[in-house]
Amino acid sequence: MSDDLQTMSLSDSRKNMLYLLWGLYLGSLVTGGVTLIIGIALAYIKRDDAGTGVERSHYTSAIRVFWWSVLWCVVGMVLVWILIGWFVWAIATIWFIYRCVLGLVRAGESRAV
């Protein structure tokens, strides 16, 4: 990515939307996934309206985080009967939290994810 894409400034309202998106994702850890569904819908809706490459990268990243999380949760469910699934879920949860926090930090810095 070019330096222009990674450092383009976002307006406060656009930053707030990104904060909301990543906050909904993190909130899903408490709500049992309800806010994650709202977050993925928001990401799909707002991605086409994204004004900058930075903003679009956040929505694209959120969509990827969602689908990778779904994949690893399903793999964990399949493997839970041999106890490996618990390990898969733990690693997937840590990765999910990391990606959401990274998104929040990068949104605050107006940087691409």
PDB file of N, CA and C in Angstrom:
ATOM      1  N   MET A   1       0.832  -1.184   0.000  1.00  0.00           N
ATOM      2  CA  MET A   1       0.000   0.000   0.000  1.00  0.00           C
ATOM      3  C   MET A   1       0.874   1.244   0.000  1.00  0.00           C
ATOM      4  N   SER A   2       0.378   2.259  -0.641  1.00  0.00           N
ATOM      5  CA  SER A   2       1.141   3.498  -0.679  1.00  0.00           C
ATOM      6  C   SER A   2       1.006   4.228   0.645  1.00  0.00           C
ATOM      7  N   ASP A   3       1.945   5.152   0.874  1.00  0.00           N
ATOM      8  CA  ASP A   3       1.898   5.942   2.103  1.00  0.00           C
ATOM      9  C   ASP A   3       0.651   6.817   2.160  1.00  0.00           C
ATOM     10  N   ASP A   4       0.191   7.309   0.984  1.00  0.00           N
ATOM     11  CA  ASP A   4      -1.015   8.137   0.955  1.00  0.00           C
ATOM     12  C   ASP A   4      -2.221   7.373   1.468  1.00  0.00           C
ATOM     13  N   LEU A   5      -2.337   6.120   1.086  1.00  0.00           N
ATOM     14  CA  LEU A   5      -3.475   5.301   1.495  1.00  0.00           C
ATOM     15  C   LEU A   5      -3.441   5.038   2.994  1.00  0.00           C
ATOM     16  N   GLN A   6      -2.268   4.848   3.535  1.00  0.00           N
ATOM     17  CA  GLN A   6      -2.170   4.480   4.944  1.00  0.00           C
ATOM     18  C   GLN A   6      -2.321   5.656   5.890  1.00  0.00           C
ATOM     19  N   THR A   7      -2.151   6.888   5.422  1.00  0.00           N
ATOM     20  CA  THR A   7      -2.177   8.026   6.333  1.00  0.00           C
ATOM     21  C   THR A   7      -3.246   9.054   5.996  1.00  0.00           C
ATOM     22  N   MET A   8      -4.143   8.761   5.067  1.00  0.00           N
ATOM     23  CA  MET A   8      -5.180   9.710   4.686  1.00  0.00           C
ATOM     24  C   MET A   8      -6.088   9.984   5.889  1.00  0.00           C
ATOM     25  N   SER A   9      -6.356  11.244   6.151  1.00  0.00           N
ATOM     26  CA  SER A   9      -7.152  11.627   7.317  1.00  0.00           C
ATOM     27  C   SER A   9      -8.636  11.334   7.100  1.00  0.00           C
ATOM     28  N   LEU A  10      -9.287  10.875   8.140  1.00  0.00           N
ATOM     29  CA  LEU A  10     -10.724  10.599   8.113  1.00  0.00           C
ATOM     30  C   LEU A  10     -11.454  11.655   8.919  1.00  0.00           C
ATOM     31  N   SER A  11     -12.656  12.016   8.492  1.00  0.00           N
ATOM     32  CA  SER A  11     -13.467  12.949   9.267  1.00  0.00           C
ATOM     33  C   SER A  11     -13.900  12.258  10.561  1.00  0.00           C
ATOM     34  N   ASP A  12     -14.312  13.071  11.521  1.00  0.00           N
ATOM     35  CA  ASP A  12     -14.739  12.516  12.805  1.00  0.00           C
ATOM     36  C   ASP A  12     -15.930  11.578  12.654  1.00  0.00           C
ATOM     37  N   SER A  13     -16.874  11.927  11.785  1.00  0.00           N
ATOM     38  CA  SER A  13     -18.055  11.067  11.619  1.00  0.00           C
ATOM     39  C   SER A  13     -17.673   9.720  10.998  1.00  0.00           C
ATOM     40  N   ARG A  14     -16.724   9.732  10.089  1.00  0.00           N
ATOM     41  CA  ARG A  14     -16.271   8.467   9.480  1.00  0.00           C
ATOM     42  C   ARG A  14     -15.481   7.634  10.484  1.00  0.00           C
ATOM     43  N   LYS A  15     -14.668   8.296  11.307  1.00  0.00           N
ATOM     44  CA  LYS A  15     -13.946   7.586  12.369  1.00  0.00           C
ATOM     45  C   LYS A  15     -14.931   6.970  13.355  1.00  0.00           C
ATOM     46  N   ASN A  16     -15.949   7.741  13.727  1.00  0.00           N
ATOM     47  CA  ASN A  16     -16.944   7.242  14.675  1.00  0.00           C
ATOM     48  C   ASN A  16     -17.660   6.007  14.141  1.00  0.00           C
ATOM     49  N   MET A  17     -17.911   5.974  12.830  1.00  0.00           N
ATOM     50  CA  MET A  17     -18.557   4.805  12.228  1.00  0.00           C
ATOM     51  C   MET A  17     -17.629   3.587  12.328  1.00  0.00           C
ATOM     52  N   LEU A  18     -16.340   3.805  12.134  1.00  0.00           N
ATOM     53  CA  LEU A  18     -15.385   2.703  12.271  1.00  0.00           C
ATOM     54  C   LEU A  18     -15.278   2.245  13.723  1.00  0.00           C
ATOM     55  N   TYR A  19     -15.290   3.203  14.648  1.00  0.00           N
ATOM     56  CA  TYR A  19     -15.297   2.834  16.072  1.00  0.00           C
ATOM     57  C   TYR A  19     -16.529   2.000  16.404  1.00  0.00           C
ATOM     58  N   LEU A  20     -17.679   2.408  15.871  1.00  0.00           N
ATOM     59  CA  LEU A  20     -18.919   1.670  16.099  1.00  0.00           C
ATOM     60  C   LEU A  20     -18.794   0.253  15.555  1.00  0.00           C
ATOM     61  N   LEU A  21     -18.279   0.130  14.342  1.00  0.00           N
ATOM     62  CA  LEU A  21     -18.122  -1.183  13.716  1.00  0.00           C
ATOM     63  C   LEU A  21     -17.265  -2.104  14.571  1.00  0.00           C
ATOM     64  N   TRP A  22     -16.080  -1.659  14.929  1.00  0.00           N
ATOM     65  CA  TRP A  22     -15.175  -2.510  15.716  1.00  0.00           C
ATOM     66  C   TRP A  22     -15.719  -2.728  17.123  1.00  0.00           C
ATOM     67  N   GLY A  23     -16.432  -1.735  17.668  1.00  0.00           N
ATOM     68  CA  GLY A  23     -17.064  -1.897  18.976  1.00  0.00           C
ATOM     69  C   GLY A  23     -18.167  -2.946  18.949  1.00  0.00           C
ATOM     70  N   LEU A  24     -18.949  -2.960  17.864  1.00  0.00           N
ATOM     71  CA  LEU A  24     -19.979  -3.995  17.712  1.00  0.00           C
ATOM     72  C   LEU A  24     -19.339  -5.378  17.654  1.00  0.00           C
ATOM     73  N   TYR A  25     -18.222  -5.478  16.948  1.00  0.00           N
ATOM     74  CA  TYR A  25     -17.519  -6.760  16.871  1.00  0.00           C
ATOM     75  C   TYR A  25     -17.062  -7.198  18.255  1.00  0.00           C
ATOM     76  N   LEU A  26     -16.423  -6.304  18.989  1.00  0.00           N
ATOM     77  CA  LEU A  26     -15.950  -6.671  20.333  1.00  0.00           C
ATOM     78  C   LEU A  26     -17.125  -6.941  21.273  1.00  0.00           C
ATOM     79  N   GLY A  27     -18.196  -6.202  21.118  1.00  0.00           N
ATOM     80  CA  GLY A  27     -19.385  -6.416  21.944  1.00  0.00           C
ATOM     81  C   GLY A  27     -19.992  -7.794  21.756  1.00  0.00           C
ATOM     82  N   SER A  28     -19.721  -8.395  20.615  1.00  0.00           N
ATOM     83  CA  SER A  28     -20.277  -9.727  20.344  1.00  0.00           C
ATOM     84  C   SER A  28     -19.722 -10.782  21.294  1.00  0.00           C
ATOM     85  N   LEU A  29     -18.599 -10.514  21.897  1.00  0.00           N
ATOM     86  CA  LEU A  29     -18.028 -11.450  22.872  1.00  0.00           C
ATOM     87  C   LEU A  29     -18.899 -11.517  24.127  1.00  0.00           C
ATOM     88  N   VAL A  30     -19.649 -10.462  24.378  1.00  0.00           N
ATOM     89  CA  VAL A  30     -20.522 -10.395  25.546  1.00  0.00           C
ATOM     90  C   VAL A  30     -21.966 -10.738  25.187  1.00  0.00           C
ATOM     91  N   THR A  31     -22.377 -10.374  23.979  1.00  0.00           N
ATOM     92  CA  THR A  31     -23.781 -10.540  23.587  1.00  0.00           C
ATOM     93  C   THR A  31     -24.065 -11.859  22.886  1.00  0.00           C
ATOM     94  N   GLY A  32     -23.083 -12.698  22.763  1.00  0.00           N
ATOM     95  CA  GLY A  32     -23.299 -13.987  22.114  1.00  0.00           C
ATOM     96  C   GLY A  32     -23.389 -13.892  20.601  1.00  0.00           C
ATOM     97  N   GLY A  33     -22.825 -12.866  20.023  1.00  0.00           N
ATOM     98  CA  GLY A  33     -22.779 -12.747  18.576  1.00  0.00           C
ATOM     99  C   GLY A  33     -23.839 -11.856  17.960  1.00  0.00           C
ATOM    100  N   VAL A  34     -24.778 -11.358  18.760  1.00  0.00           N
ATOM    101  CA  VAL A  34     -25.852 -10.516  18.217  1.00  0.00           C
ATOM    102  C   VAL A  34     -25.276  -9.266  17.564  1.00  0.00           C
ATOM    103  N   THR A  35     -24.370  -8.588  18.247  1.00  0.00           N
ATOM    104  CA  THR A  35     -23.814  -7.355  17.691  1.00  0.00           C
ATOM    105  C   THR A  35     -22.866  -7.641  16.521  1.00  0.00           C
ATOM    106  N   LEU A  36     -22.348  -8.846  16.453  1.00  0.00           N
ATOM    107  CA  LEU A  36     -21.496  -9.219  15.319  1.00  0.00           C
ATOM    108  C   LEU A  36     -22.320  -9.238  14.030  1.00  0.00           C
ATOM    109  N   ILE A  37     -23.544  -9.728  14.109  1.00  0.00           N
ATOM    110  CA  ILE A  37     -24.430  -9.753  12.941  1.00  0.00           C
ATOM    111  C   ILE A  37     -24.744  -8.323  12.496  1.00  0.00           C
ATOM    112  N   ILE A  38     -24.986  -7.454  13.446  1.00  0.00           N
ATOM    113  CA  ILE A  38     -25.229  -6.042  13.124  1.00  0.00           C
ATOM    114  C   ILE A  38     -23.972  -5.442  12.494  1.00  0.00           C
ATOM    115  N   GLY A  39     -22.819  -5.770  13.054  1.00  0.00           N
ATOM    116  CA  GLY A  39     -21.550  -5.252  12.546  1.00  0.00           C
ATOM    117  C   GLY A  39     -21.249  -5.704  11.128  1.00  0.00           C
ATOM    118  N   ILE A  40     -21.483  -6.973  10.819  1.00  0.00           N
ATOM    119  CA  ILE A  40     -21.196  -7.458   9.463  1.00  0.00           C
ATOM    120  C   ILE A  40     -22.149  -6.822   8.455  1.00  0.00           C
ATOM    121  N   ALA A  41     -23.409  -6.628   8.846  1.00  0.00           N
ATOM    122  CA  ALA A  41     -24.362  -5.950   7.959  1.00  0.00           C
ATOM    123  C   ALA A  41     -23.890  -4.518   7.697  1.00  0.00           C
ATOM    124  N   LEU A  42     -23.453  -3.837   8.746  1.00  0.00           N
ATOM    125  CA  LEU A  42     -22.942  -2.475   8.614  1.00  0.00           C
ATOM    126  C   LEU A  42     -21.723  -2.439   7.689  1.00  0.00           C
ATOM    127  N   ALA A  43     -20.824  -3.385   7.843  1.00  0.00           N
ATOM    128  CA  ALA A  43     -19.617  -3.423   7.014  1.00  0.00           C
ATOM    129  C   ALA A  43     -19.956  -3.601   5.541  1.00  0.00           C
ATOM    130  N   TYR A  44     -20.882  -4.499   5.244  1.00  0.00           N
ATOM    131  CA  TYR A  44     -21.273  -4.708   3.850  1.00  0.00           C
ATOM    132  C   TYR A  44     -21.974  -3.474   3.271  1.00  0.00           C
ATOM    133  N   ILE A  45     -22.814  -2.843   4.064  1.00  0.00           N
ATOM    134  CA  ILE A  45     -23.547  -1.666   3.587  1.00  0.00           C
ATOM    135  C   ILE A  45     -22.606  -0.484   3.371  1.00  0.00           C
ATOM    136  N   LYS A  46     -21.728  -0.229   4.333  1.00  0.00           N
ATOM    137  CA  LYS A  46     -20.879   0.956   4.279  1.00  0.00           C
ATOM    138  C   LYS A  46     -19.658   0.804   3.363  1.00  0.00           C
ATOM    139  N   ARG A  47     -19.262  -0.414   3.053  1.00  0.00           N
ATOM    140  CA  ARG A  47     -18.061  -0.595   2.239  1.00  0.00           C
ATOM    141  C   ARG A  47     -18.196   0.078   0.883  1.00  0.00           C
ATOM    142  N   ASP A  48     -19.347  -0.020   0.267  1.00  0.00           N
ATOM    143  CA  ASP A  48     -19.537   0.597  -1.051  1.00  0.00           C
ATOM    144  C   ASP A  48     -19.591   2.119  -0.981  1.00  0.00           C
ATOM    145  N   ASP A  49     -19.937   2.657   0.168  1.00  0.00           N
ATOM    146  CA  ASP A  49     -20.015   4.114   0.341  1.00  0.00           C
ATOM    147  C   ASP A  49     -18.735   4.710   0.921  1.00  0.00           C
ATOM    148  N   ALA A  50     -17.745   3.868   1.178  1.00  0.00           N
ATOM    149  CA  ALA A  50     -16.509   4.338   1.810  1.00  0.00           C
ATOM    150  C   ALA A  50     -15.855   5.402   0.942  1.00  0.00           C
ATOM    151  N   GLY A  51     -15.485   6.497   1.574  1.00  0.00           N
ATOM    152  CA  GLY A  51     -14.911   7.617   0.840  1.00  0.00           C
ATOM    153  C   GLY A  51     -13.444   7.455   0.501  1.00  0.00           C
ATOM    154  N   THR A  52     -12.689   6.840   1.368  1.00  0.00           N
ATOM    155  CA  THR A  52     -11.244   6.728   1.150  1.00  0.00           C
ATOM    156  C   THR A  52     -10.823   5.263   1.134  1.00  0.00           C
ATOM    157  N   GLY A  53      -9.628   5.028   0.641  1.00  0.00           N
ATOM    158  CA  GLY A  53      -9.074   3.680   0.683  1.00  0.00           C
ATOM    159  C   GLY A  53      -8.872   3.198   2.105  1.00  0.00           C
ATOM    160  N   VAL A  54      -8.559   4.122   3.008  1.00  0.00           N
ATOM    161  CA  VAL A  54      -8.363   3.777   4.412  1.00  0.00           C
ATOM    162  C   VAL A  54      -9.669   3.248   4.997  1.00  0.00           C
ATOM    163  N   GLU A  55     -10.714   3.989   4.776  1.00  0.00           N
ATOM    164  CA  GLU A  55     -12.019   3.601   5.309  1.00  0.00           C
ATOM    165  C   GLU A  55     -12.478   2.269   4.704  1.00  0.00           C
ATOM    166  N   ARG A  56     -12.318   2.133   3.416  1.00  0.00           N
ATOM    167  CA  ARG A  56     -12.709   0.894   2.725  1.00  0.00           C
ATOM    168  C   ARG A  56     -11.917  -0.295   3.261  1.00  0.00           C
ATOM    169  N   SER A  57     -10.646  -0.079   3.585  1.00  0.00           N
ATOM    170  CA  SER A  57      -9.832  -1.185   4.109  1.00  0.00           C
ATOM    171  C   SER A  57     -10.375  -1.693   5.443  1.00  0.00           C
ATOM    172  N   HIS A  58     -10.938  -0.807   6.247  1.00  0.00           N
ATOM    173  CA  HIS A  58     -11.517  -1.223   7.530  1.00  0.00           C
ATOM    174  C   HIS A  58     -12.755  -2.098   7.313  1.00  0.00           C
ATOM    175  N   TYR A  59     -13.612  -1.690   6.393  1.00  0.00           N
ATOM    176  CA  TYR A  59     -14.817  -2.469   6.131  1.00  0.00           C
ATOM    177  C   TYR A  59     -14.467  -3.823   5.513  1.00  0.00           C
ATOM    178  N   THR A  60     -13.514  -3.823   4.597  1.00  0.00           N
ATOM    179  CA  THR A  60     -13.072  -5.080   3.988  1.00  0.00           C
ATOM    180  C   THR A  60     -12.451  -5.985   5.037  1.00  0.00           C
ATOM    181  N   SER A  61     -11.642  -5.420   5.909  1.00  0.00           N
ATOM    182  CA  SER A  61     -11.015  -6.205   6.971  1.00  0.00           C
ATOM    183  C   SER A  61     -12.062  -6.774   7.923  1.00  0.00           C
ATOM    184  N   ALA A  62     -13.067  -5.982   8.255  1.00  0.00           N
ATOM    185  CA  ALA A  62     -14.129  -6.456   9.152  1.00  0.00           C
ATOM    186  C   ALA A  62     -14.882  -7.626   8.529  1.00  0.00           C
ATOM    187  N   ILE A  63     -15.123  -7.552   7.230  1.00  0.00           N
ATOM    188  CA  ILE A  63     -15.807  -8.651   6.534  1.00  0.00           C
ATOM    189  C   ILE A  63     -14.939  -9.904   6.566  1.00  0.00           C
ATOM    190  N   ARG A  64     -13.660  -9.752   6.323  1.00  0.00           N
ATOM    191  CA  ARG A  64     -12.751 -10.913   6.365  1.00  0.00           C
ATOM    192  C   ARG A  64     -12.658 -11.502   7.765  1.00  0.00           C
ATOM    193  N   VAL A  65     -12.575 -10.636   8.769  1.00  0.00           N
ATOM    194  CA  VAL A  65     -12.519 -11.113  10.159  1.00  0.00           C
ATOM    195  C   VAL A  65     -13.766 -11.934  10.469  1.00  0.00           C
ATOM    196  N   PHE A  66     -14.920 -11.451  10.031  1.00  0.00           N
ATOM    197  CA  PHE A  66     -16.165 -12.182  10.275  1.00  0.00           C
ATOM    198  C   PHE A  66     -16.102 -13.577   9.664  1.00  0.00           C
ATOM    199  N   TRP A  67     -15.783 -13.660   8.374  1.00  0.00           N
ATOM    200  CA  TRP A  67     -15.823 -14.963   7.701  1.00  0.00           C
ATOM    201  C   TRP A  67     -14.740 -15.911   8.190  1.00  0.00           C
ATOM    202  N   TRP A  68     -13.556 -15.405   8.508  1.00  0.00           N
ATOM    203  CA  TRP A  68     -12.517 -16.282   9.089  1.00  0.00           C
ATOM    204  C   TRP A  68     -12.947 -16.773  10.470  1.00  0.00           C
ATOM    205  N   SER A  69     -13.593 -15.908  11.234  1.00  0.00           N
ATOM    206  CA  SER A  69     -14.077 -16.318  12.557  1.00  0.00           C
ATOM    207  C   SER A  69     -15.133 -17.402  12.445  1.00  0.00           C
ATOM    208  N   VAL A  70     -16.045 -17.247  11.495  1.00  0.00           N
ATOM    209  CA  VAL A  70     -17.063 -18.274  11.275  1.00  0.00           C
ATOM    210  C   VAL A  70     -16.391 -19.599  10.912  1.00  0.00           C
ATOM    211  N   LEU A  71     -15.435 -19.538  10.001  1.00  0.00           N
ATOM    212  CA  LEU A  71     -14.723 -20.754   9.597  1.00  0.00           C
ATOM    213  C   LEU A  71     -14.079 -21.446  10.792  1.00  0.00           C
ATOM    214  N   TRP A  72     -13.339 -20.700  11.598  1.00  0.00           N
ATOM    215  CA  TRP A  72     -12.621 -21.326  12.721  1.00  0.00           C
ATOM    216  C   TRP A  72     -13.570 -21.788  13.825  1.00  0.00           C
ATOM    217  N   CYS A  73     -14.699 -21.139  13.979  1.00  0.00           N
ATOM    218  CA  CYS A  73     -15.700 -21.623  14.946  1.00  0.00           C
ATOM    219  C   CYS A  73     -16.293 -22.950  14.487  1.00  0.00           C
ATOM    220  N   VAL A  74     -16.557 -23.072  13.205  1.00  0.00           N
ATOM    221  CA  VAL A  74     -17.083 -24.333  12.670  1.00  0.00           C
ATOM    222  C   VAL A  74     -16.032 -25.435  12.812  1.00  0.00           C
ATOM    223  N   VAL A  75     -14.787 -25.130  12.469  1.00  0.00           N
ATOM    224  CA  VAL A  75     -13.707 -26.122  12.636  1.00  0.00           C
ATOM    225  C   VAL A  75     -13.609 -26.530  14.097  1.00  0.00           C
ATOM    226  N   GLY A  76     -13.710 -25.569  15.004  1.00  0.00           N
ATOM    227  CA  GLY A  76     -13.673 -25.877  16.430  1.00  0.00           C
ATOM    228  C   GLY A  76     -14.819 -26.769  16.854  1.00  0.00           C
ATOM    229  N   MET A  77     -16.012 -26.521  16.305  1.00  0.00           N
ATOM    230  CA  MET A  77     -17.169 -27.362  16.639  1.00  0.00           C
ATOM    231  C   MET A  77     -16.962 -28.795  16.167  1.00  0.00           C
ATOM    232  N   VAL A  78     -16.397 -28.945  14.991  1.00  0.00           N
ATOM    233  CA  VAL A  78     -16.159 -30.291  14.461  1.00  0.00           C
ATOM    234  C   VAL A  78     -15.124 -31.026  15.312  1.00  0.00           C
ATOM    235  N   LEU A  79     -14.131 -30.301  15.802  1.00  0.00           N
ATOM    236  CA  LEU A  79     -13.036 -30.929  16.542  1.00  0.00           C
ATOM    237  C   LEU A  79     -13.231 -30.947  18.057  1.00  0.00           C
ATOM    238  N   VAL A  80     -14.318 -30.392  18.550  1.00  0.00           N
ATOM    239  CA  VAL A  80     -14.502 -30.300  19.998  1.00  0.00           C
ATOM    240  C   VAL A  80     -14.612 -31.676  20.653  1.00  0.00           C
ATOM    241  N   TRP A  81     -15.107 -32.642  19.948  1.00  0.00           N
ATOM    242  CA  TRP A  81     -15.278 -33.978  20.525  1.00  0.00           C
ATOM    243  C   TRP A  81     -13.941 -34.656  20.817  1.00  0.00           C
ATOM    244  N   ILE A  82     -12.863 -34.219  20.179  1.00  0.00           N
ATOM    245  CA  ILE A  82     -11.543 -34.773  20.520  1.00  0.00           C
ATOM    246  C   ILE A  82     -10.701 -33.751  21.293  1.00  0.00           C
ATOM    247  N   LEU A  83     -11.370 -32.758  21.836  1.00  0.00           N
ATOM    248  CA  LEU A  83     -10.803 -31.730  22.713  1.00  0.00           C
ATOM    249  C   LEU A  83      -9.893 -30.722  22.014  1.00  0.00           C
ATOM    250  N   ILE A  84      -9.575 -30.924  20.762  1.00  0.00           N
ATOM    251  CA  ILE A  84      -8.767 -29.951  20.029  1.00  0.00           C
ATOM    252  C   ILE A  84      -9.600 -28.716  19.719  1.00  0.00           C
ATOM    253  N   GLY A  85     -10.891 -28.885  19.611  1.00  0.00           N
ATOM    254  CA  GLY A  85     -11.789 -27.778  19.303  1.00  0.00           C
ATOM    255  C   GLY A  85     -11.702 -26.643  20.304  1.00  0.00           C
ATOM    256  N   TRP A  86     -11.519 -26.974  21.572  1.00  0.00           N
ATOM    257  CA  TRP A  86     -11.387 -25.941  22.602  1.00  0.00           C
ATOM    258  C   TRP A  86     -10.162 -25.082  22.337  1.00  0.00           C
ATOM    259  N   PHE A  87      -9.075 -25.707  21.911  1.00  0.00           N
ATOM    260  CA  PHE A  87      -7.849 -24.980  21.581  1.00  0.00           C
ATOM    261  C   PHE A  87      -8.086 -24.089  20.354  1.00  0.00           C
ATOM    262  N   VAL A  88      -8.749 -24.629  19.342  1.00  0.00           N
ATOM    263  CA  VAL A  88      -9.057 -23.852  18.130  1.00  0.00           C
ATOM    264  C   VAL A  88      -9.907 -22.636  18.498  1.00  0.00           C
ATOM    265  N   TRP A  89     -10.923 -22.822  19.323  1.00  0.00           N
ATOM    266  CA  TRP A  89     -11.769 -21.704  19.744  1.00  0.00           C
ATOM    267  C   TRP A  89     -10.986 -20.656  20.516  1.00  0.00           C
ATOM    268  N   ALA A  90     -10.097 -21.094  21.386  1.00  0.00           N
ATOM    269  CA  ALA A  90      -9.300 -20.151  22.170  1.00  0.00           C
ATOM    270  C   ALA A  90      -8.403 -19.309  21.267  1.00  0.00           C
ATOM    271  N   ILE A  91      -7.718 -19.966  20.343  1.00  0.00           N
ATOM    272  CA  ILE A  91      -6.843 -19.242  19.416  1.00  0.00           C
ATOM    273  C   ILE A  91      -7.662 -18.308  18.526  1.00  0.00           C
ATOM    274  N   ALA A  92      -8.800 -18.768  18.046  1.00  0.00           N
ATOM    275  CA  ALA A  92      -9.664 -17.944  17.190  1.00  0.00           C
ATOM    276  C   ALA A  92     -10.174 -16.718  17.947  1.00  0.00           C
ATOM    277  N   THR A  93     -10.498 -16.892  19.216  1.00  0.00           N
ATOM    278  CA  THR A  93     -10.983 -15.767  20.032  1.00  0.00           C
ATOM    279  C   THR A  93      -9.881 -14.743  20.249  1.00  0.00           C
ATOM    280  N   ILE A  94      -8.680 -15.206  20.548  1.00  0.00           N
ATOM    281  CA  ILE A  94      -7.542 -14.293  20.732  1.00  0.00           C
ATOM    282  C   ILE A  94      -7.273 -13.532  19.441  1.00  0.00           C
ATOM    283  N   TRP A  95      -7.279 -14.238  18.312  1.00  0.00           N
ATOM    284  CA  TRP A  95      -7.049 -13.604  17.017  1.00  0.00           C
ATOM    285  C   TRP A  95      -8.141 -12.574  16.724  1.00  0.00           C
ATOM    286  N   PHE A  96      -9.397 -12.919  17.015  1.00  0.00           N
ATOM    287  CA  PHE A  96     -10.526 -12.024  16.798  1.00  0.00           C
ATOM    288  C   PHE A  96     -10.356 -10.735  17.605  1.00  0.00           C
ATOM    289  N   ILE A  97     -10.025 -10.866  18.871  1.00  0.00           N
ATOM    290  CA  ILE A  97      -9.823  -9.696  19.728  1.00  0.00           C
ATOM    291  C   ILE A  97      -8.673  -8.841  19.206  1.00  0.00           C
ATOM    292  N   TYR A  98      -7.580  -9.489  18.813  1.00  0.00           N
ATOM    293  CA  TYR A  98      -6.421  -8.765  18.273  1.00  0.00           C
ATOM    294  C   TYR A  98      -6.809  -7.949  17.048  1.00  0.00           C
ATOM    295  N   ARG A  99      -7.543  -8.571  16.111  1.00  0.00           N
ATOM    296  CA  ARG A  99      -7.917  -7.877  14.871  1.00  0.00           C
ATOM    297  C   ARG A  99      -8.859  -6.705  15.163  1.00  0.00           C
ATOM    298  N   CYS A 100      -9.766  -6.859  16.119  1.00  0.00           N
ATOM    299  CA  CYS A 100     -10.689  -5.778  16.467  1.00  0.00           C
ATOM    300  C   CYS A 100      -9.960  -4.616  17.131  1.00  0.00           C
ATOM    301  N   VAL A 101      -9.067  -4.922  18.045  1.00  0.00           N
ATOM    302  CA  VAL A 101      -8.298  -3.866  18.711  1.00  0.00           C
ATOM    303  C   VAL A 101      -7.395  -3.166  17.693  1.00  0.00           C
ATOM    304  N   LEU A 102      -6.779  -3.932  16.802  1.00  0.00           N
ATOM    305  CA  LEU A 102      -5.963  -3.333  15.747  1.00  0.00           C
ATOM    306  C   LEU A 102      -6.813  -2.395  14.888  1.00  0.00           C
ATOM    307  N   GLY A 103      -8.024  -2.807  14.559  1.00  0.00           N
ATOM    308  CA  GLY A 103      -8.928  -1.953  13.791  1.00  0.00           C
ATOM    309  C   GLY A 103      -9.252  -0.660  14.524  1.00  0.00           C
ATOM    310  N   LEU A 104      -9.516  -0.750  15.813  1.00  0.00           N
ATOM    311  CA  LEU A 104      -9.803   0.446  16.603  1.00  0.00           C
ATOM    312  C   LEU A 104      -8.607   1.397  16.639  1.00  0.00           C
ATOM    313  N   VAL A 105      -7.436   0.840  16.863  1.00  0.00           N
ATOM    314  CA  VAL A 105      -6.217   1.661  16.937  1.00  0.00           C
ATOM    315  C   VAL A 105      -5.951   2.326  15.593  1.00  0.00           C
ATOM    316  N   ARG A 106      -6.041   1.545  14.525  1.00  0.00           N
ATOM    317  CA  ARG A 106      -5.763   2.096  13.195  1.00  0.00           C
ATOM    318  C   ARG A 106      -6.834   3.127  12.794  1.00  0.00           C
ATOM    319  N   ALA A 107      -8.070   2.934  13.204  1.00  0.00           N
ATOM    320  CA  ALA A 107      -9.111   3.937  12.919  1.00  0.00           C
ATOM    321  C   ALA A 107      -8.771   5.238  13.607  1.00  0.00           C
ATOM    322  N   GLY A 108      -8.307   5.168  14.841  1.00  0.00           N
ATOM    323  CA  GLY A 108      -7.927   6.362  15.581  1.00  0.00           C
ATOM    324  C   GLY A 108      -6.760   7.104  14.937  1.00  0.00           C
ATOM    325  N   GLU A 109      -5.900   6.361  14.283  1.00  0.00           N
ATOM    326  CA  GLU A 109      -4.739   6.941  13.598  1.00  0.00           C
ATOM    327  C   GLU A 109      -5.034   7.290  12.145  1.00  0.00           C
ATOM    328  N   SER A 110      -6.252   7.035  11.677  1.00  0.00           N
ATOM    329  CA  SER A 110      -6.642   7.207  10.267  1.00  0.00           C
ATOM    330  C   SER A 110      -5.735   6.420   9.334  1.00  0.00           C
ATOM    331  N   ARG A 111      -5.450   5.183   9.734  1.00  0.00           N
ATOM    332  CA  ARG A 111      -4.591   4.310   8.933  1.00  0.00           C
ATOM    333  C   ARG A 111      -5.367   3.100   8.471  1.00  0.00           C
ATOM    334  N   ALA A 112      -4.939   2.548   7.357  1.00  0.00           N
ATOM    335  CA  ALA A 112      -5.554   1.333   6.829  1.00  0.00           C
ATOM    336  C   ALA A 112      -5.234   0.154   7.723  1.00  0.00           C
ATOM    337  N   VAL A 113      -6.104  -0.832   7.678  1.00  0.00           N
ATOM    338  CA  VAL A 113      -5.877  -2.065   8.444  1.00  0.00           C
ATOM    339  C   VAL A 113      -5.078  -3.011   7.598  1.00  0.00           C
TER     340      VAL A 113
END
